[in-house]
Protein backbone atom coordinates (compact mmCIF):
# COMPACT_ATOMS: atom_id res chain seq x y z
CA MET A 1 0.00 0.00 0.00
CA THR A 2 1.40 3.39 -0.96
CA GLU A 3 1.50 6.34 1.41
CA PRO A 4 -0.69 9.28 0.45
CA SER A 5 1.29 12.23 -0.87
CA ILE A 6 2.30 14.83 1.66
CA ASP A 7 2.92 17.43 -1.04
CA ILE A 8 0.68 20.44 -1.65
CA THR A 9 1.06 23.04 -4.39
CA PRO A 10 2.00 26.59 -3.46
CA GLN A 11 -1.33 27.83 -4.80
CA GLN A 12 -3.33 25.36 -2.72
CA ALA A 13 -1.25 26.14 0.38
CA HIS A 14 -1.86 29.87 -0.13
CA LEU A 15 -5.60 29.27 -0.51
CA GLU A 16 -5.80 27.10 2.64
CA ALA A 17 -3.76 29.58 4.68
CA SER A 18 -5.78 32.58 3.49
CA GLU A 19 -9.05 30.79 4.31
CA GLY A 20 -7.86 29.81 7.79
CA ALA A 21 -7.83 26.09 7.00
CA GLY A 22 -4.07 25.83 7.28
CA VAL A 23 -1.11 27.55 8.87
CA LEU A 24 2.11 28.11 6.91
CA VAL A 25 5.33 27.28 8.74
CA ASP A 26 8.63 28.39 7.23
CA VAL A 27 11.19 25.83 8.37
CA ARG A 28 14.24 27.51 6.79
CA GLU A 29 17.08 28.92 8.87
CA PRO A 30 16.68 32.49 10.18
CA TRP A 31 19.34 33.89 7.84
CA GLU A 32 17.26 32.66 4.87
CA TRP A 33 14.14 34.58 5.92
CA SER A 34 15.71 37.96 5.07
CA GLY A 35 15.36 37.14 1.38
CA GLY A 36 11.60 36.97 1.75
CA ALA A 37 9.12 34.50 3.17
CA ALA A 38 5.59 33.41 2.32
CA ALA A 39 3.30 36.08 3.72
CA GLY A 40 1.84 35.15 7.09
CA ALA A 41 4.15 32.18 7.66
CA VAL A 42 5.13 31.26 11.21
CA ARG A 43 8.91 31.01 11.31
CA ILE A 44 10.25 27.93 13.07
CA SER A 45 13.45 26.45 11.65
CA LEU A 46 13.59 22.71 11.13
CA TYR A 47 16.29 22.59 13.81
CA ASP A 48 13.95 24.26 16.34
CA LEU A 49 10.85 22.27 15.44
CA PRO A 50 11.29 19.58 18.14
CA GLN A 51 11.30 22.26 20.85
CA ARG A 52 8.63 24.51 19.32
CA HIS A 53 6.08 22.25 17.61
CA ALA A 54 3.61 22.77 20.49
CA GLU A 55 3.21 26.38 19.26
CA LEU A 56 1.44 25.03 16.17
CA PRO A 57 -2.34 24.55 16.08
CA ARG A 58 -3.77 21.06 15.98
CA ASP A 59 -7.10 22.18 14.53
CA GLN A 60 -5.57 23.34 11.23
CA ARG A 61 -3.42 21.68 8.63
CA VAL A 62 0.27 22.60 9.04
CA LEU A 63 1.74 23.63 5.69
CA CYS A 64 5.53 23.42 5.86
CA ILE A 65 7.62 25.46 3.44
CA CYS A 66 11.39 25.74 2.96
CA ALA A 67 13.61 26.89 0.11
CA SER A 68 12.93 24.08 -2.36
CA GLY A 69 10.85 21.38 -0.66
CA ASN A 70 13.36 19.02 0.97
CA ARG A 71 13.39 20.34 4.54
CA SER A 72 9.65 20.98 4.44
CA ARG A 73 9.04 17.34 3.57
CA ALA A 74 11.18 16.25 6.54
CA ALA A 75 9.29 18.70 8.78
CA ALA A 76 5.90 17.45 7.57
CA GLU A 77 6.90 13.83 8.12
CA TYR A 78 8.12 14.65 11.63
CA LEU A 79 4.92 16.53 12.50
CA ARG A 80 2.79 13.69 11.16
CA GLN A 81 4.57 11.32 13.56
CA LEU A 82 3.44 13.66 16.35
CA GLY A 83 -0.18 13.54 15.18
CA TYR A 84 -0.37 16.78 13.19
CA GLU A 85 -2.03 16.92 9.80
CA ALA A 86 1.00 18.26 7.95
CA MET A 87 1.87 18.88 4.32
CA SER A 88 4.97 20.02 2.41
CA VAL A 89 4.71 22.90 -0.07
CA SER A 90 6.08 21.58 -3.38
CA GLY A 91 9.02 23.60 -4.67
CA GLY A 92 9.22 25.66 -1.48
CA THR A 93 9.68 29.42 -1.38
CA ALA A 94 11.22 29.36 -4.88
CA ALA A 95 7.96 28.00 -6.33
CA TRP A 96 5.92 30.33 -4.09
CA GLN A 97 7.73 33.32 -5.59
CA LEU A 98 7.56 31.88 -9.12
CA HIS A 99 3.77 31.78 -8.81
CA ARG A 100 3.80 35.40 -7.57
CA LEU A 101 2.18 34.55 -4.25
CA PRO A 102 2.47 37.12 -1.42
CA ILE A 103 5.92 37.55 0.13
CA GLU A 104 6.99 39.35 3.30
CA ARG A 105 10.45 40.83 3.65
CA ALA A 106 12.17 40.71 7.04
């Protein structure tokens, strides 16, 4: 039996976050955030996630985003093990910007 995909498109993640159905979590390192981050994203680096995951809501889907999609997939898998409904934004912040979705500058 195959696992269901944990990937979500940037457009779908933006829609879910803007409708309050999901919360974006930028799991990149703090120095990466200065280049711009998905608007409204909570910033918790992958390294800090084990200590800070309790800050995330359990009544919304957690939409993890990184630079390209690798760290966000690891974050989503980790959060799923803890019982969160978590997804990874395909292509990360690079794809988010490519699709001209809202960005915040630090």
